[in-house]
Structures are given as structure tokens and as C-alpha cells.
Amino acid sequence: MDHERQLARLTARVPVRVSDCLGVCEHANVIVVQPGAAARAAGARPVWLGLVNDPDATEDVAAWVQAGGPGVAPCPDILGLYRFTPPRRE
């Protein structure tokens, strides 16, 4: 996976924050889609997507975020294949 290209594709379309280790290397590349403030206030939670190693999946993520993301736009069915529940932090 060309990480720099994936990051460039995302940052060209949506706000991105790069993080250090999230503790889920077995799911790399991980993208956590955060809901906007209003959606979070209404109960929306972050959506964790793993194994996002395909340019088409990257485009699907960007399109979903542009449509409003969690709590605003339904998660596309195809992204359900990448969705996972992160382990609880200790």
C-alpha cells in the first residue's frame, strides 16, 4: 500500500488527522471516521475501518465523509466489509 498516496487522496477531499499507533496493527490500514459535532451530540460514534488497502475503498471512505459521515449519511454497504470494533483501552 502506498500510504503517502492514500493520505494525499484523502486530504484532497476531506479533513484528516494522522495518528500514531492505534494498537490494532492486525487491521492496518486503519481509518477512523469521526462524526461531526452535531451528529456526535445526537449520539453518533466513530466508525473504525480496517484493511483499507485499496484505492477504491479510500475513495468510498472520502465520499461517505463528504456526504456527512456517521450520524448523517448511512455507511455504504461496501464499507461494512471493513468495519470492526476496536478493543477497549485499558
PDB file of N, CA and C in Angstrom:
ATOM      1  N   MET A   1       0.842  -1.181   0.000  1.00  0.00           N
ATOM      2  CA  MET A   1       0.000   0.000   0.000  1.00  0.00           C
ATOM      3  C   MET A   1       0.879   1.233   0.000  1.00  0.00           C
ATOM      4  N   ASP A   2       0.570   2.158  -0.851  1.00  0.00           N
ATOM      5  CA  ASP A   2       1.280   3.427  -0.900  1.00  0.00           C
ATOM      6  C   ASP A   2       0.596   4.376   0.090  1.00  0.00           C
ATOM      7  N   HIS A   3       1.114   4.429   1.305  1.00  0.00           N
ATOM      8  CA  HIS A   3       0.489   5.213   2.375  1.00  0.00           C
ATOM      9  C   HIS A   3       0.448   6.703   2.041  1.00  0.00           C
ATOM     10  N   GLU A   4       1.506   7.201   1.459  1.00  0.00           N
ATOM     11  CA  GLU A   4       1.551   8.625   1.125  1.00  0.00           C
ATOM     12  C   GLU A   4       0.486   8.976   0.085  1.00  0.00           C
ATOM     13  N   ARG A   5       0.303   8.103  -0.877  1.00  0.00           N
ATOM     14  CA  ARG A   5      -0.713   8.372  -1.904  1.00  0.00           C
ATOM     15  C   ARG A   5      -2.119   8.298  -1.300  1.00  0.00           C
ATOM     16  N   GLN A   6      -2.341   7.305  -0.425  1.00  0.00           N
ATOM     17  CA  GLN A   6      -3.649   7.190   0.229  1.00  0.00           C
ATOM     18  C   GLN A   6      -3.935   8.456   1.040  1.00  0.00           C
ATOM     19  N   LEU A   7      -2.962   8.912   1.788  1.00  0.00           N
ATOM     20  CA  LEU A   7      -3.128  10.119   2.587  1.00  0.00           C
ATOM     21  C   LEU A   7      -3.392  11.328   1.686  1.00  0.00           C
ATOM     22  N   ALA A   8      -2.672  11.431   0.593  1.00  0.00           N
ATOM     23  CA  ALA A   8      -2.877  12.556  -0.335  1.00  0.00           C
ATOM     24  C   ALA A   8      -4.283  12.520  -0.930  1.00  0.00           C
ATOM     25  N   ARG A   9      -4.777  11.326  -1.272  1.00  0.00           N
ATOM     26  CA  ARG A   9      -6.124  11.203  -1.839  1.00  0.00           C
ATOM     27  C   ARG A   9      -7.175  11.628  -0.827  1.00  0.00           C
ATOM     28  N   LEU A  10      -6.973  11.245   0.424  1.00  0.00           N
ATOM     29  CA  LEU A  10      -7.939  11.617   1.457  1.00  0.00           C
ATOM     30  C   LEU A  10      -7.886  13.107   1.770  1.00  0.00           C
ATOM     31  N   THR A  11      -6.688  13.633   1.977  1.00  0.00           N
ATOM     32  CA  THR A  11      -6.573  15.039   2.376  1.00  0.00           C
ATOM     33  C   THR A  11      -7.023  15.989   1.274  1.00  0.00           C
ATOM     34  N   ALA A  12      -7.028  15.519   0.034  1.00  0.00           N
ATOM     35  CA  ALA A  12      -7.516  16.356  -1.062  1.00  0.00           C
ATOM     36  C   ALA A  12      -9.031  16.524  -1.005  1.00  0.00           C
ATOM     37  N   ARG A  13      -9.719  15.626  -0.269  1.00  0.00           N
ATOM     38  CA  ARG A  13     -11.181  15.638  -0.272  1.00  0.00           C
ATOM     39  C   ARG A  13     -11.815  15.889   1.089  1.00  0.00           C
ATOM     40  N   VAL A  14     -11.136  15.477   2.162  1.00  0.00           N
ATOM     41  CA  VAL A  14     -11.745  15.575   3.494  1.00  0.00           C
ATOM     42  C   VAL A  14     -10.689  15.935   4.537  1.00  0.00           C
ATOM     43  N   PRO A  15     -11.116  16.476   5.693  1.00  0.00           N
ATOM     44  CA  PRO A  15     -10.150  16.739   6.768  1.00  0.00           C
ATOM     45  C   PRO A  15      -9.580  15.418   7.300  1.00  0.00           C
ATOM     46  N   VAL A  16      -8.282  15.409   7.534  1.00  0.00           N
ATOM     47  CA  VAL A  16      -7.605  14.193   8.002  1.00  0.00           C
ATOM     48  C   VAL A  16      -6.691  14.549   9.157  1.00  0.00           C
ATOM     49  N   ARG A  17      -6.681  13.686  10.156  1.00  0.00           N
ATOM     50  CA  ARG A  17      -5.731  13.803  11.257  1.00  0.00           C
ATOM     51  C   ARG A  17      -4.966  12.480  11.317  1.00  0.00           C
ATOM     52  N   VAL A  18      -3.658  12.539  11.226  1.00  0.00           N
ATOM     53  CA  VAL A  18      -2.821  11.340  11.269  1.00  0.00           C
ATOM     54  C   VAL A  18      -2.461  11.060  12.717  1.00  0.00           C
ATOM     55  N   SER A  19      -2.534   9.796  13.083  1.00  0.00           N
ATOM     56  CA  SER A  19      -2.279   9.390  14.455  1.00  0.00           C
ATOM     57  C   SER A  19      -1.102   8.432  14.520  1.00  0.00           C
ATOM     58  N   ASP A  20      -0.528   8.353  15.699  1.00  0.00           N
ATOM     59  CA  ASP A  20       0.445   7.304  15.950  1.00  0.00           C
ATOM     60  C   ASP A  20      -0.317   5.992  16.117  1.00  0.00           C
ATOM     61  N   CYS A  21       0.313   5.018  16.661  1.00  0.00           N
ATOM     62  CA  CYS A  21      -0.253   3.678  16.814  1.00  0.00           C
ATOM     63  C   CYS A  21      -1.615   3.697  17.498  1.00  0.00           C
ATOM     64  N   LEU A  22      -2.573   2.984  16.903  1.00  0.00           N
ATOM     65  CA  LEU A  22      -3.906   2.833  17.494  1.00  0.00           C
ATOM     66  C   LEU A  22      -4.047   1.474  18.183  1.00  0.00           C
ATOM     67  N   GLY A  23      -2.990   0.669  18.122  1.00  0.00           N
ATOM     68  CA  GLY A  23      -2.996  -0.624  18.805  1.00  0.00           C
ATOM     69  C   GLY A  23      -3.772  -1.716  18.079  1.00  0.00           C
ATOM     70  N   VAL A  24      -4.000  -1.539  16.793  1.00  0.00           N
ATOM     71  CA  VAL A  24      -4.741  -2.543  16.023  1.00  0.00           C
ATOM     72  C   VAL A  24      -4.010  -2.837  14.714  1.00  0.00           C
ATOM     73  N   CYS A  25      -2.723  -3.117  14.807  1.00  0.00           N
ATOM     74  CA  CYS A  25      -1.892  -3.332  13.618  1.00  0.00           C
ATOM     75  C   CYS A  25      -2.427  -4.440  12.724  1.00  0.00           C
ATOM     76  N   GLU A  26      -3.119  -5.405  13.310  1.00  0.00           N
ATOM     77  CA  GLU A  26      -3.654  -6.512  12.509  1.00  0.00           C
ATOM     78  C   GLU A  26      -4.726  -6.043  11.527  1.00  0.00           C
ATOM     79  N   HIS A  27      -5.196  -4.811  11.680  1.00  0.00           N
ATOM     80  CA  HIS A  27      -6.219  -4.246  10.795  1.00  0.00           C
ATOM     81  C   HIS A  27      -5.666  -3.156   9.865  1.00  0.00           C
ATOM     82  N   ALA A  28      -4.345  -2.967   9.838  1.00  0.00           N
ATOM     83  CA  ALA A  28      -3.765  -1.876   9.038  1.00  0.00           C
ATOM     84  C   ALA A  28      -4.143  -2.028   7.559  1.00  0.00           C
ATOM     85  N   ASN A  29      -4.412  -0.983   6.961  1.00  0.00           N
ATOM     86  CA  ASN A  29      -4.515   0.426   7.250  1.00  0.00           C
ATOM     87  C   ASN A  29      -5.848   0.715   7.926  1.00  0.00           C
ATOM     88  N   VAL A  30      -5.775   1.423   9.024  1.00  0.00           N
ATOM     89  CA  VAL A  30      -6.976   1.763   9.792  1.00  0.00           C
ATOM     90  C   VAL A  30      -7.353   3.215   9.534  1.00  0.00           C
ATOM     91  N   ILE A  31      -8.639   3.426   9.298  1.00  0.00           N
ATOM     92  CA  ILE A  31      -9.189   4.766   9.174  1.00  0.00           C
ATOM     93  C   ILE A  31     -10.341   4.855  10.166  1.00  0.00           C
ATOM     94  N   VAL A  32     -10.299   5.859  11.034  1.00  0.00           N
ATOM     95  CA  VAL A  32     -11.379   6.094  11.988  1.00  0.00           C
ATOM     96  C   VAL A  32     -12.133   7.320  11.496  1.00  0.00           C
ATOM     97  N   VAL A  33     -13.413   7.122  11.184  1.00  0.00           N
ATOM     98  CA  VAL A  33     -14.237   8.220  10.682  1.00  0.00           C
ATOM     99  C   VAL A  33     -15.006   8.799  11.862  1.00  0.00           C
ATOM    100  N   GLN A  34     -14.711  10.050  12.176  1.00  0.00           N
ATOM    101  CA  GLN A  34     -15.339  10.732  13.309  1.00  0.00           C
ATOM    102  C   GLN A  34     -16.622  11.429  12.867  1.00  0.00           C
ATOM    103  N   PRO A  35     -17.662  11.368  13.669  1.00  0.00           N
ATOM    104  CA  PRO A  35     -18.859  12.154  13.340  1.00  0.00           C
ATOM    105  C   PRO A  35     -18.612  13.631  13.605  1.00  0.00           C
ATOM    106  N   GLY A  36     -19.370  14.475  12.933  1.00  0.00           N
ATOM    107  CA  GLY A  36     -19.310  15.900  13.205  1.00  0.00           C
ATOM    108  C   GLY A  36     -19.898  16.191  14.572  1.00  0.00           C
ATOM    109  N   ALA A  37     -19.722  17.414  15.035  1.00  0.00           N
ATOM    110  CA  ALA A  37     -20.170  17.790  16.376  1.00  0.00           C
ATOM    111  C   ALA A  37     -21.667  17.567  16.578  1.00  0.00           C
ATOM    112  N   ALA A  38     -22.483  17.988  15.625  1.00  0.00           N
ATOM    113  CA  ALA A  38     -23.932  17.830  15.768  1.00  0.00           C
ATOM    114  C   ALA A  38     -24.324  16.360  15.782  1.00  0.00           C
ATOM    115  N   ALA A  39     -23.703  15.563  14.918  1.00  0.00           N
ATOM    116  CA  ALA A  39     -24.010  14.127  14.880  1.00  0.00           C
ATOM    117  C   ALA A  39     -23.568  13.452  16.179  1.00  0.00           C
ATOM    118  N   ARG A  40     -22.408  13.852  16.690  1.00  0.00           N
ATOM    119  CA  ARG A  40     -21.932  13.272  17.955  1.00  0.00           C
ATOM    120  C   ARG A  40     -22.893  13.637  19.087  1.00  0.00           C
ATOM    121  N   ALA A  41     -23.350  14.874  19.111  1.00  0.00           N
ATOM    122  CA  ALA A  41     -24.295  15.301  20.148  1.00  0.00           C
ATOM    123  C   ALA A  41     -25.603  14.508  20.066  1.00  0.00           C
ATOM    124  N   ALA A  42     -25.940  14.060  18.860  1.00  0.00           N
ATOM    125  CA  ALA A  42     -27.156  13.271  18.660  1.00  0.00           C
ATOM    126  C   ALA A  42     -26.924  11.782  18.898  1.00  0.00           C
ATOM    127  N   GLY A  43     -25.681  11.401  19.266  1.00  0.00           N
ATOM    128  CA  GLY A  43     -25.401  10.015  19.613  1.00  0.00           C
ATOM    129  C   GLY A  43     -24.535   9.240  18.649  1.00  0.00           C
ATOM    130  N   ALA A  44     -24.123   9.846  17.544  1.00  0.00           N
ATOM    131  CA  ALA A  44     -23.265   9.137  16.591  1.00  0.00           C
ATOM    132  C   ALA A  44     -21.888   8.896  17.208  1.00  0.00           C
ATOM    133  N   ARG A  45     -21.281   7.796  16.844  1.00  0.00           N
ATOM    134  CA  ARG A  45     -19.959   7.430  17.358  1.00  0.00           C
ATOM    135  C   ARG A  45     -18.990   7.207  16.206  1.00  0.00           C
ATOM    136  N   PRO A  46     -17.692   7.241  16.489  1.00  0.00           N
ATOM    137  CA  PRO A  46     -16.709   6.991  15.442  1.00  0.00           C
ATOM    138  C   PRO A  46     -16.894   5.595  14.830  1.00  0.00           C
ATOM    139  N   VAL A  47     -16.550   5.491  13.573  1.00  0.00           N
ATOM    140  CA  VAL A  47     -16.598   4.213  12.868  1.00  0.00           C
ATOM    141  C   VAL A  47     -15.166   3.840  12.510  1.00  0.00           C
ATOM    142  N   TRP A  48     -14.763   2.641  12.928  1.00  0.00           N
ATOM    143  CA  TRP A  48     -13.418   2.145  12.661  1.00  0.00           C
ATOM    144  C   TRP A  48     -13.466   1.245  11.437  1.00  0.00           C
ATOM    145  N   LEU A  49     -12.589   1.540  10.488  1.00  0.00           N
ATOM    146  CA  LEU A  49     -12.479   0.755   9.267  1.00  0.00           C
ATOM    147  C   LEU A  49     -11.060   0.216   9.170  1.00  0.00           C
ATOM    148  N   GLY A  50     -10.933  -1.071   8.934  1.00  0.00           N
ATOM    149  CA  GLY A  50      -9.619  -1.690   8.853  1.00  0.00           C
ATOM    150  C   GLY A  50      -9.376  -2.341   7.509  1.00  0.00           C
ATOM    151  N   LEU A  51      -8.108  -2.609   7.248  1.00  0.00           N
ATOM    152  CA  LEU A  51      -7.669  -3.225   6.000  1.00  0.00           C
ATOM    153  C   LEU A  51      -8.069  -2.393   4.784  1.00  0.00           C
ATOM    154  N   VAL A  52      -8.040  -1.072   4.968  1.00  0.00           N
ATOM    155  CA  VAL A  52      -8.382  -0.160   3.867  1.00  0.00           C
ATOM    156  C   VAL A  52      -7.117   0.008   3.021  1.00  0.00           C
ATOM    157  N   ASN A  53      -6.854  -0.999   2.205  1.00  0.00           N
ATOM    158  CA  ASN A  53      -5.625  -1.049   1.417  1.00  0.00           C
ATOM    159  C   ASN A  53      -5.883  -0.923  -0.075  1.00  0.00           C
ATOM    160  N   ASP A  54      -7.073  -0.545  -0.441  1.00  0.00           N
ATOM    161  CA  ASP A  54      -7.464  -0.484  -1.845  1.00  0.00           C
ATOM    162  C   ASP A  54      -7.842   0.962  -2.195  1.00  0.00           C
ATOM    163  N   PRO A  55      -7.358   1.481  -3.311  1.00  0.00           N
ATOM    164  CA  PRO A  55      -7.704   2.861  -3.681  1.00  0.00           C
ATOM    165  C   PRO A  55      -9.216   3.092  -3.796  1.00  0.00           C
ATOM    166  N   ASP A  56      -9.960   2.100  -4.261  1.00  0.00           N
ATOM    167  CA  ASP A  56     -11.411   2.259  -4.363  1.00  0.00           C
ATOM    168  C   ASP A  56     -12.045   2.406  -2.982  1.00  0.00           C
ATOM    169  N   ALA A  57     -11.541   1.657  -2.007  1.00  0.00           N
ATOM    170  CA  ALA A  57     -12.062   1.773  -0.638  1.00  0.00           C
ATOM    171  C   ALA A  57     -11.751   3.153  -0.077  1.00  0.00           C
ATOM    172  N   THR A  58     -10.565   3.668  -0.368  1.00  0.00           N
ATOM    173  CA  THR A  58     -10.204   5.009   0.078  1.00  0.00           C
ATOM    174  C   THR A  58     -11.179   6.034  -0.493  1.00  0.00           C
ATOM    175  N   GLU A  59     -11.516   5.897  -1.759  1.00  0.00           N
ATOM    176  CA  GLU A  59     -12.474   6.802  -2.395  1.00  0.00           C
ATOM    177  C   GLU A  59     -13.859   6.664  -1.764  1.00  0.00           C
ATOM    178  N   ASP A  60     -14.254   5.428  -1.422  1.00  0.00           N
ATOM    179  CA  ASP A  60     -15.549   5.209  -0.773  1.00  0.00           C
ATOM    180  C   ASP A  60     -15.604   5.901   0.583  1.00  0.00           C
ATOM    181  N   VAL A  61     -14.501   5.829   1.339  1.00  0.00           N
ATOM    182  CA  VAL A  61     -14.435   6.499   2.640  1.00  0.00           C
ATOM    183  C   VAL A  61     -14.575   8.009   2.448  1.00  0.00           C
ATOM    184  N   ALA A  62     -13.819   8.561   1.522  1.00  0.00           N
ATOM    185  CA  ALA A  62     -13.858  10.010   1.283  1.00  0.00           C
ATOM    186  C   ALA A  62     -15.259  10.454   0.856  1.00  0.00           C
ATOM    187  N   ALA A  63     -15.897   9.685  -0.003  1.00  0.00           N
ATOM    188  CA  ALA A  63     -17.247  10.045  -0.462  1.00  0.00           C
ATOM    189  C   ALA A  63     -18.241  10.015   0.694  1.00  0.00           C
ATOM    190  N   TRP A  64     -18.113   9.041   1.577  1.00  0.00           N
ATOM    191  CA  TRP A  64     -19.012   8.945   2.729  1.00  0.00           C
ATOM    192  C   TRP A  64     -18.817  10.140   3.661  1.00  0.00           C
ATOM    193  N   VAL A  65     -17.570  10.501   3.911  1.00  0.00           N
ATOM    194  CA  VAL A  65     -17.294  11.655   4.772  1.00  0.00           C
ATOM    195  C   VAL A  65     -17.853  12.929   4.135  1.00  0.00           C
ATOM    196  N   GLN A  66     -17.672  13.086   2.833  1.00  0.00           N
ATOM    197  CA  GLN A  66     -18.208  14.265   2.156  1.00  0.00           C
ATOM    198  C   GLN A  66     -19.734  14.309   2.221  1.00  0.00           C
ATOM    199  N   ALA A  67     -20.358  13.135   2.277  1.00  0.00           N
ATOM    200  CA  ALA A  67     -21.823  13.074   2.370  1.00  0.00           C
ATOM    201  C   ALA A  67     -22.319  13.336   3.789  1.00  0.00           C
ATOM    202  N   GLY A  68     -21.400  13.404   4.760  1.00  0.00           N
ATOM    203  CA  GLY A  68     -21.782  13.698   6.135  1.00  0.00           C
ATOM    204  C   GLY A  68     -21.232  12.738   7.159  1.00  0.00           C
ATOM    205  N   GLY A  69     -20.870  11.517   6.740  1.00  0.00           N
ATOM    206  CA  GLY A  69     -20.262  10.546   7.647  1.00  0.00           C
ATOM    207  C   GLY A  69     -21.219  10.023   8.699  1.00  0.00           C
ATOM    208  N   PRO A  70     -20.683   9.450   9.784  1.00  0.00           N
ATOM    209  CA  PRO A  70     -21.502   8.818  10.819  1.00  0.00           C
ATOM    210  C   PRO A  70     -22.559   9.755  11.389  1.00  0.00           C
ATOM    211  N   GLY A  71     -23.757   9.240  11.506  1.00  0.00           N
ATOM    212  CA  GLY A  71     -24.839  10.002  12.105  1.00  0.00           C
ATOM    213  C   GLY A  71     -25.560  10.920  11.136  1.00  0.00           C
ATOM    214  N   VAL A  72     -25.006  11.097   9.942  1.00  0.00           N
ATOM    215  CA  VAL A  72     -25.623  11.969   8.944  1.00  0.00           C
ATOM    216  C   VAL A  72     -25.957  11.172   7.687  1.00  0.00           C
ATOM    217  N   ALA A  73     -24.965  10.487   7.156  1.00  0.00           N
ATOM    218  CA  ALA A  73     -25.146   9.685   5.945  1.00  0.00           C
ATOM    219  C   ALA A  73     -24.969   8.211   6.301  1.00  0.00           C
ATOM    220  N   PRO A  74     -25.802   7.346   5.752  1.00  0.00           N
ATOM    221  CA  PRO A  74     -25.632   5.922   6.044  1.00  0.00           C
ATOM    222  C   PRO A  74     -24.278   5.420   5.537  1.00  0.00           C
ATOM    223  N   CYS A  75     -23.682   4.533   6.294  1.00  0.00           N
ATOM    224  CA  CYS A  75     -22.416   3.933   5.880  1.00  0.00           C
ATOM    225  C   CYS A  75     -22.682   3.065   4.653  1.00  0.00           C
ATOM    226  N   PRO A  76     -21.957   3.287   3.561  1.00  0.00           N
ATOM    227  CA  PRO A  76     -22.160   2.454   2.373  1.00  0.00           C
ATOM    228  C   PRO A  76     -21.946   0.974   2.692  1.00  0.00           C
ATOM    229  N   ASP A  77     -22.762   0.134   2.101  1.00  0.00           N
ATOM    230  CA  ASP A  77     -22.675  -1.309   2.359  1.00  0.00           C
ATOM    231  C   ASP A  77     -21.268  -1.843   2.157  1.00  0.00           C
ATOM    232  N   ILE A  78     -20.588  -1.363   1.117  1.00  0.00           N
ATOM    233  CA  ILE A  78     -19.250  -1.865   0.824  1.00  0.00           C
ATOM    234  C   ILE A  78     -18.288  -1.590   1.978  1.00  0.00           C
ATOM    235  N   LEU A  79     -18.470  -0.474   2.678  1.00  0.00           N
ATOM    236  CA  LEU A  79     -17.579  -0.167   3.799  1.00  0.00           C
ATOM    237  C   LEU A  79     -17.868  -1.043   5.011  1.00  0.00           C
ATOM    238  N   GLY A  80     -19.049  -1.648   5.045  1.00  0.00           N
ATOM    239  CA  GLY A  80     -19.345  -2.602   6.115  1.00  0.00           C
ATOM    240  C   GLY A  80     -18.361  -3.756   6.140  1.00  0.00           C
ATOM    241  N   LEU A  81     -17.773  -4.076   4.996  1.00  0.00           N
ATOM    242  CA  LEU A  81     -16.769  -5.146   4.923  1.00  0.00           C
ATOM    243  C   LEU A  81     -15.494  -4.781   5.675  1.00  0.00           C
ATOM    244  N   TYR A  82     -15.259  -3.500   5.851  1.00  0.00           N
ATOM    245  CA  TYR A  82     -14.036  -3.019   6.501  1.00  0.00           C
ATOM    246  C   TYR A  82     -14.252  -2.647   7.966  1.00  0.00           C
ATOM    247  N   ARG A  83     -15.488  -2.573   8.376  1.00  0.00           N
ATOM    248  CA  ARG A  83     -15.819  -2.088   9.716  1.00  0.00           C
ATOM    249  C   ARG A  83     -15.423  -3.118  10.776  1.00  0.00           C
ATOM    250  N   PHE A  84     -14.864  -2.629  11.883  1.00  0.00           N
ATOM    251  CA  PHE A  84     -14.555  -3.502  13.019  1.00  0.00           C
ATOM    252  C   PHE A  84     -14.701  -2.724  14.316  1.00  0.00           C
ATOM    253  N   THR A  85     -14.824  -3.464  15.383  1.00  0.00           N
ATOM    254  CA  THR A  85     -14.924  -2.864  16.712  1.00  0.00           C
ATOM    255  C   THR A  85     -13.545  -2.882  17.359  1.00  0.00           C
ATOM    256  N   PRO A  86     -13.028  -1.734  17.723  1.00  0.00           N
ATOM    257  CA  PRO A  86     -11.692  -1.712  18.331  1.00  0.00           C
ATOM    258  C   PRO A  86     -11.735  -2.302  19.731  1.00  0.00           C
ATOM    259  N   PRO A  87     -10.602  -2.826  20.181  1.00  0.00           N
ATOM    260  CA  PRO A  87     -10.570  -3.334  21.556  1.00  0.00           C
ATOM    261  C   PRO A  87     -10.692  -2.193  22.544  1.00  0.00           C
ATOM    262  N   ARG A  88     -11.204  -2.504  23.693  1.00  0.00           N
ATOM    263  CA  ARG A  88     -11.336  -1.484  24.744  1.00  0.00           C
ATOM    264  C   ARG A  88      -9.953  -1.131  25.265  1.00  0.00           C
ATOM    265  N   ARG A  89      -9.770   0.141  25.526  1.00  0.00           N
ATOM    266  CA  ARG A  89      -8.475   0.584  26.080  1.00  0.00           C
ATOM    267  C   ARG A  89      -8.446   0.296  27.558  1.00  0.00           C
ATOM    268  N   GLU A  90      -7.280  -0.088  28.023  1.00  0.00           N
ATOM    269  CA  GLU A  90      -7.115  -0.402  29.444  1.00  0.00           C
ATOM    270  C   GLU A  90      -6.424   0.716  30.166  1.00  0.00           C
TER     271      GLU A  90
END
